[in-house]
Amino acid sequence: MNSDQGTFTKVLNNIKTILECLAILAAGIWALFHFNIFEVGEAKSNFNGSVNLKLNRWLDNKSSCIYDFEVNIENTGKQTQKFDHTRYTICKIKPPESKEIGATGALELSGECEDQPTEVKMNSDFIMGQAGEVHPGEKKQTVYTFIAQANEWPWKVEATGYADKEEKIIMFKGSDWQFCARPNER
């Protein structure tokens, strides 16, 4: 009887040890997700970015517009997000295919660039400061200024923030467009 009782006690101790290990493992997994230590896809889902193109002023002597190109970002998540770089694109928008009288103009804009766009890649520390970090709840704004010549079709700006050098992980993307013409011709 003693040997049966000893075997039974060993089996119970083994089951107890296994259950304790499973409980510790489950508590660890719960803590990772509950305290946002490990969030799948947070960089995309908890990050907002917007791009605004605003006319600063008209240059009569150059028949050009000076634009302020604003990039606003906000980290709505619970983890600090790091940028590798942001790519900016500036171009004239391609006119619509239909050039018939009565074409709706701006309503038919393709959003495609007419010529080769101007692209600029900016390192994260130059853009956002603090080595490209955006902390939880933090909002940042960067403003660039450029000159665009008057044109029949609008100018488009686009900004895409990347978390990696290979440009596979997009943090935010935004674009905006505006016509550039003498103020009394708009």
C-alpha atoms as a PDB file:
ATOM      1  CA  MET A   1       0.000   0.000   0.000  1.00  0.00           C
ATOM      2  CA  ASN A   2       2.885   2.364   0.738  1.00  0.00           C
ATOM      3  CA  SER A   3       4.259   2.023  -2.783  1.00  0.00           C
ATOM      4  CA  ASP A   4       0.830   2.804  -4.294  1.00  0.00           C
ATOM      5  CA  GLN A   5       0.491   5.854  -2.096  1.00  0.00           C
ATOM      6  CA  GLY A   6       4.046   7.000  -3.002  1.00  0.00           C
ATOM      7  CA  THR A   7       3.364   6.600  -6.725  1.00  0.00           C
ATOM      8  CA  PHE A   8       0.072   8.443  -6.383  1.00  0.00           C
ATOM      9  CA  THR A   9       1.826  11.323  -4.538  1.00  0.00           C
ATOM     10  CA  LYS A  10       4.497  11.535  -7.259  1.00  0.00           C
ATOM     11  CA  VAL A  11       1.838  11.688 -10.008  1.00  0.00           C
ATOM     12  CA  LEU A  12      -0.022  14.442  -8.134  1.00  0.00           C
ATOM     13  CA  ASN A  13       3.215  16.401  -7.642  1.00  0.00           C
ATOM     14  CA  ASN A  14       4.013  16.081 -11.367  1.00  0.00           C
ATOM     15  CA  ILE A  15       0.510  17.272 -12.329  1.00  0.00           C
ATOM     16  CA  LYS A  16       0.830  20.169  -9.855  1.00  0.00           C
ATOM     17  CA  THR A  17       4.207  21.166 -11.364  1.00  0.00           C
ATOM     18  CA  ILE A  18       2.821  21.042 -14.918  1.00  0.00           C
ATOM     19  CA  LEU A  19      -0.237  23.137 -13.952  1.00  0.00           C
ATOM     20  CA  GLU A  20       1.981  25.728 -12.208  1.00  0.00           C
ATOM     21  CA  CYS A  21       4.166  26.007 -15.331  1.00  0.00           C
ATOM     22  CA  LEU A  22       1.095  26.448 -17.560  1.00  0.00           C
ATOM     23  CA  ALA A  23      -0.324  29.101 -15.199  1.00  0.00           C
ATOM     24  CA  ILE A  24       2.957  31.048 -15.208  1.00  0.00           C
ATOM     25  CA  LEU A  25       3.125  30.835 -19.015  1.00  0.00           C
ATOM     26  CA  ALA A  26      -0.505  32.007 -19.380  1.00  0.00           C
ATOM     27  CA  ALA A  27       0.100  34.903 -16.956  1.00  0.00           C
ATOM     28  CA  GLY A  28       3.185  35.944 -18.919  1.00  0.00           C
ATOM     29  CA  ILE A  29       1.310  35.969 -22.230  1.00  0.00           C
ATOM     30  CA  TRP A  30      -1.573  37.905 -20.648  1.00  0.00           C
ATOM     31  CA  ALA A  31       0.880  40.514 -19.260  1.00  0.00           C
ATOM     32  CA  LEU A  32       2.567  40.989 -22.644  1.00  0.00           C
ATOM     33  CA  PHE A  33      -0.713  41.861 -24.331  1.00  0.00           C
ATOM     34  CA  HIS A  34      -2.370  43.636 -21.387  1.00  0.00           C
ATOM     35  CA  PHE A  35       0.526  46.036 -20.831  1.00  0.00           C
ATOM     36  CA  ASN A  36       1.136  46.468 -24.584  1.00  0.00           C
ATOM     37  CA  ILE A  37       4.673  45.176 -24.366  1.00  0.00           C
ATOM     38  CA  PHE A  38       3.991  43.135 -27.455  1.00  0.00           C
ATOM     39  CA  GLU A  39       1.485  44.546 -29.936  1.00  0.00           C
ATOM     40  CA  VAL A  40       1.154  43.073 -33.379  1.00  0.00           C
ATOM     41  CA  GLY A  41       0.891  45.731 -36.077  1.00  0.00           C
ATOM     42  CA  GLU A  42       0.739  48.717 -33.733  1.00  0.00           C
ATOM     43  CA  ALA A  43       2.921  50.811 -36.016  1.00  0.00           C
ATOM     44  CA  LYS A  44       0.177  50.849 -38.639  1.00  0.00           C
ATOM     45  CA  SER A  45      -2.990  50.836 -36.532  1.00  0.00           C
ATOM     46  CA  ASN A  46      -2.109  53.391 -33.856  1.00  0.00           C
ATOM     47  CA  PHE A  47      -0.366  56.025 -35.913  1.00  0.00           C
ATOM     48  CA  ASN A  48      -1.966  58.931 -37.767  1.00  0.00           C
ATOM     49  CA  GLY A  49      -0.360  61.098 -40.403  1.00  0.00           C
ATOM     50  CA  SER A  50      -1.678  63.876 -42.598  1.00  0.00           C
ATOM     51  CA  VAL A  51      -0.291  66.129 -45.306  1.00  0.00           C
ATOM     52  CA  ASN A  52      -1.523  69.655 -46.075  1.00  0.00           C
ATOM     53  CA  LEU A  53      -0.440  71.929 -48.885  1.00  0.00           C
ATOM     54  CA  LYS A  54      -1.104  75.601 -48.161  1.00  0.00           C
ATOM     55  CA  LEU A  55      -0.431  78.599 -50.341  1.00  0.00           C
ATOM     56  CA  ASN A  56       1.963  80.887 -48.517  1.00  0.00           C
ATOM     57  CA  ARG A  57       1.988  83.638 -51.151  1.00  0.00           C
ATOM     58  CA  TRP A  58       2.044  84.428 -54.877  1.00  0.00           C
ATOM     59  CA  LEU A  59       5.264  85.695 -56.521  1.00  0.00           C
ATOM     60  CA  ASP A  60       4.254  88.068 -59.333  1.00  0.00           C
ATOM     61  CA  ASN A  61       7.793  88.492 -60.655  1.00  0.00           C
ATOM     62  CA  LYS A  62       8.224  84.712 -61.091  1.00  0.00           C
ATOM     63  CA  SER A  63       4.634  83.676 -61.848  1.00  0.00           C
ATOM     64  CA  SER A  64       4.988  81.158 -59.045  1.00  0.00           C
ATOM     65  CA  CYS A  65       3.440  80.108 -55.770  1.00  0.00           C
ATOM     66  CA  ILE A  66       5.285  79.615 -52.514  1.00  0.00           C
ATOM     67  CA  TYR A  67       3.707  76.660 -50.728  1.00  0.00           C
ATOM     68  CA  ASP A  68       4.001  75.446 -47.161  1.00  0.00           C
ATOM     69  CA  PHE A  69       3.907  71.674 -47.097  1.00  0.00           C
ATOM     70  CA  GLU A  70       2.860  70.485 -43.609  1.00  0.00           C
ATOM     71  CA  VAL A  71       3.317  66.945 -42.345  1.00  0.00           C
ATOM     72  CA  ASN A  72       1.457  66.187 -39.103  1.00  0.00           C
ATOM     73  CA  ILE A  73       1.874  62.918 -37.233  1.00  0.00           C
ATOM     74  CA  GLU A  74       0.405  61.558 -34.016  1.00  0.00           C
ATOM     75  CA  ASN A  75       1.179  58.410 -32.059  1.00  0.00           C
ATOM     76  CA  THR A  76      -2.130  57.231 -30.584  1.00  0.00           C
ATOM     77  CA  GLY A  77      -0.654  53.935 -29.393  1.00  0.00           C
ATOM     78  CA  LYS A  78       1.041  52.983 -26.149  1.00  0.00           C
ATOM     79  CA  GLN A  79       4.531  52.377 -27.528  1.00  0.00           C
ATOM     80  CA  THR A  80       7.188  54.761 -28.778  1.00  0.00           C
ATOM     81  CA  GLN A  81       7.381  54.501 -32.569  1.00  0.00           C
ATOM     82  CA  LYS A  82      10.628  54.949 -34.491  1.00  0.00           C
ATOM     83  CA  PHE A  83      10.974  56.226 -38.039  1.00  0.00           C
ATOM     84  CA  ASP A  84      13.813  55.344 -40.342  1.00  0.00           C
ATOM     85  CA  HIS A  85      13.016  58.012 -42.947  1.00  0.00           C
ATOM     86  CA  THR A  86      10.261  59.871 -44.776  1.00  0.00           C
ATOM     87  CA  ARG A  87      10.034  60.186 -48.554  1.00  0.00           C
ATOM     88  CA  TYR A  88       8.514  63.344 -50.024  1.00  0.00           C
ATOM     89  CA  THR A  89       7.245  63.584 -53.588  1.00  0.00           C
ATOM     90  CA  ILE A  90       6.346  66.824 -55.392  1.00  0.00           C
ATOM     91  CA  CYS A  91       4.969  66.929 -58.943  1.00  0.00           C
ATOM     92  CA  LYS A  92       2.489  68.473 -61.356  1.00  0.00           C
ATOM     93  CA  ILE A  93      -0.621  66.340 -61.728  1.00  0.00           C
ATOM     94  CA  LYS A  94      -1.220  64.808 -65.139  1.00  0.00           C
ATOM     95  CA  PRO A  95      -4.201  66.354 -66.982  1.00  0.00           C
ATOM     96  CA  PRO A  96      -7.245  64.176 -67.666  1.00  0.00           C
ATOM     97  CA  GLU A  97      -7.324  62.167 -70.877  1.00  0.00           C
ATOM     98  CA  SER A  98     -10.428  64.001 -72.093  1.00  0.00           C
ATOM     99  CA  LYS A  99      -9.616  67.501 -73.346  1.00  0.00           C
ATOM    100  CA  GLU A 100     -13.094  68.110 -74.753  1.00  0.00           C
ATOM    101  CA  ILE A 101     -14.933  71.320 -74.003  1.00  0.00           C
ATOM    102  CA  GLY A 102     -16.927  70.861 -70.832  1.00  0.00           C
ATOM    103  CA  ALA A 103     -14.522  68.361 -69.268  1.00  0.00           C
ATOM    104  CA  THR A 104     -14.899  68.618 -65.517  1.00  0.00           C
ATOM    105  CA  GLY A 105     -11.228  69.497 -64.933  1.00  0.00           C
ATOM    106  CA  ALA A 106     -10.331  68.987 -61.301  1.00  0.00           C
ATOM    107  CA  LEU A 107     -12.963  66.287 -60.882  1.00  0.00           C
ATOM    108  CA  GLU A 108     -11.149  64.157 -63.467  1.00  0.00           C
ATOM    109  CA  LEU A 109      -7.683  64.481 -61.936  1.00  0.00           C
ATOM    110  CA  SER A 110      -5.800  61.241 -62.178  1.00  0.00           C
ATOM    111  CA  GLY A 111      -3.517  61.882 -59.211  1.00  0.00           C
ATOM    112  CA  GLU A 112      -0.633  60.651 -61.370  1.00  0.00           C
ATOM    113  CA  CYS A 113       2.441  62.788 -61.943  1.00  0.00           C
ATOM    114  CA  GLU A 114       2.772  64.418 -65.359  1.00  0.00           C
ATOM    115  CA  ASP A 115       6.570  64.239 -65.448  1.00  0.00           C
ATOM    116  CA  GLN A 116       9.201  62.622 -63.300  1.00  0.00           C
ATOM    117  CA  PRO A 117       8.376  63.741 -59.734  1.00  0.00           C
ATOM    118  CA  THR A 118      10.866  65.415 -57.431  1.00  0.00           C
ATOM    119  CA  GLU A 119      11.595  62.983 -54.610  1.00  0.00           C
ATOM    120  CA  VAL A 120      13.426  63.764 -51.416  1.00  0.00           C
ATOM    121  CA  LYS A 121      14.358  61.209 -48.770  1.00  0.00           C
ATOM    122  CA  MET A 122      14.821  62.743 -45.311  1.00  0.00           C
ATOM    123  CA  ASN A 123      16.403  60.990 -42.353  1.00  0.00           C
ATOM    124  CA  SER A 124      14.178  60.631 -39.319  1.00  0.00           C
ATOM    125  CA  ASP A 125      16.310  62.668 -36.913  1.00  0.00           C
ATOM    126  CA  PHE A 126      16.194  65.645 -39.293  1.00  0.00           C
ATOM    127  CA  ILE A 127      12.433  65.404 -39.665  1.00  0.00           C
ATOM    128  CA  MET A 128      11.108  64.450 -36.272  1.00  0.00           C
ATOM    129  CA  GLY A 129      14.047  65.021 -33.936  1.00  0.00           C
ATOM    130  CA  GLN A 130      14.958  62.612 -31.137  1.00  0.00           C
ATOM    131  CA  ALA A 131      16.314  60.045 -33.599  1.00  0.00           C
ATOM    132  CA  GLY A 132      12.928  59.791 -35.270  1.00  0.00           C
ATOM    133  CA  GLU A 133      11.028  58.769 -32.151  1.00  0.00           C
ATOM    134  CA  VAL A 134       7.396  59.657 -31.589  1.00  0.00           C
ATOM    135  CA  HIS A 135       6.247  58.857 -28.058  1.00  0.00           C
ATOM    136  CA  PRO A 136       2.735  57.723 -27.033  1.00  0.00           C
ATOM    137  CA  GLY A 137       0.261  60.599 -27.248  1.00  0.00           C
ATOM    138  CA  GLU A 138       2.812  62.834 -28.961  1.00  0.00           C
ATOM    139  CA  LYS A 139       2.004  65.003 -31.985  1.00  0.00           C
ATOM    140  CA  LYS A 140       4.651  66.445 -34.272  1.00  0.00           C
ATOM    141  CA  GLN A 141       4.542  68.811 -37.206  1.00  0.00           C
ATOM    142  CA  THR A 142       7.169  69.481 -39.834  1.00  0.00           C
ATOM    143  CA  VAL A 143       6.776  72.305 -42.374  1.00  0.00           C
ATOM    144  CA  TYR A 144       8.694  72.543 -45.645  1.00  0.00           C
ATOM    145  CA  THR A 145       8.480  75.391 -48.144  1.00  0.00           C
ATOM    146  CA  PHE A 146       8.891  75.099 -51.905  1.00  0.00           C
ATOM    147  CA  ILE A 147       8.263  77.227 -54.991  1.00  0.00           C
ATOM    148  CA  ALA A 148       5.978  75.963 -57.783  1.00  0.00           C
ATOM    149  CA  GLN A 149       5.446  77.631 -61.128  1.00  0.00           C
ATOM    150  CA  ALA A 150       1.954  78.563 -62.237  1.00  0.00           C
ATOM    151  CA  ASN A 151       0.406  75.689 -64.128  1.00  0.00           C
ATOM    152  CA  GLU A 152      -2.897  74.742 -65.735  1.00  0.00           C
ATOM    153  CA  TRP A 153      -3.089  71.621 -63.550  1.00  0.00           C
ATOM    154  CA  PRO A 154      -2.472  71.375 -59.812  1.00  0.00           C
ATOM    155  CA  TRP A 155       0.653  70.494 -57.902  1.00  0.00           C
ATOM    156  CA  LYS A 156       0.637  67.419 -55.703  1.00  0.00           C
ATOM    157  CA  VAL A 157       2.709  66.645 -52.613  1.00  0.00           C
ATOM    158  CA  GLU A 158       2.937  63.297 -50.885  1.00  0.00           C
ATOM    159  CA  ALA A 159       4.725  62.130 -47.752  1.00  0.00           C
ATOM    160  CA  THR A 160       5.303  58.534 -46.711  1.00  0.00           C
ATOM    161  CA  GLY A 161       6.949  57.660 -43.394  1.00  0.00           C
ATOM    162  CA  TYR A 162       8.804  54.347 -43.189  1.00  0.00           C
ATOM    163  CA  ALA A 163       9.966  52.330 -40.188  1.00  0.00           C
ATOM    164  CA  ASP A 164      12.660  50.501 -42.187  1.00  0.00           C
ATOM    165  CA  LYS A 165      15.367  51.272 -44.765  1.00  0.00           C
ATOM    166  CA  GLU A 166      13.835  48.849 -47.294  1.00  0.00           C
ATOM    167  CA  GLU A 167      10.528  50.818 -47.290  1.00  0.00           C
ATOM    168  CA  LYS A 168       8.405  47.773 -46.459  1.00  0.00           C
ATOM    169  CA  ILE A 169       6.824  49.039 -43.221  1.00  0.00           C
ATOM    170  CA  ILE A 170       4.762  52.187 -43.807  1.00  0.00           C
ATOM    171  CA  MET A 171       4.061  54.271 -40.707  1.00  0.00           C
ATOM    172  CA  PHE A 172       1.885  56.859 -42.457  1.00  0.00           C
ATOM    173  CA  LYS A 173       1.083  58.150 -45.907  1.00  0.00           C
ATOM    174  CA  GLY A 174      -0.691  61.304 -46.966  1.00  0.00           C
ATOM    175  CA  SER A 175      -1.054  63.625 -49.933  1.00  0.00           C
ATOM    176  CA  ASP A 176      -2.651  66.897 -50.936  1.00  0.00           C
ATOM    177  CA  TRP A 177      -2.863  69.045 -54.073  1.00  0.00           C
ATOM    178  CA  GLN A 178      -3.573  72.651 -55.082  1.00  0.00           C
ATOM    179  CA  PHE A 179      -3.687  74.785 -58.189  1.00  0.00           C
ATOM    180  CA  CYS A 180      -1.054  77.486 -58.580  1.00  0.00           C
ATOM    181  CA  ALA A 181      -2.303  80.572 -60.427  1.00  0.00           C
ATOM    182  CA  ARG A 182      -2.329  84.340 -59.992  1.00  0.00           C
ATOM    183  CA  PRO A 183      -4.781  85.021 -57.108  1.00  0.00           C
ATOM    184  CA  ASN A 184      -7.336  86.821 -59.307  1.00  0.00           C
ATOM    185  CA  GLU A 185      -7.282  83.879 -61.794  1.00  0.00           C
ATOM    186  CA  ARG A 186      -8.369  81.199 -59.340  1.00  0.00           C
END
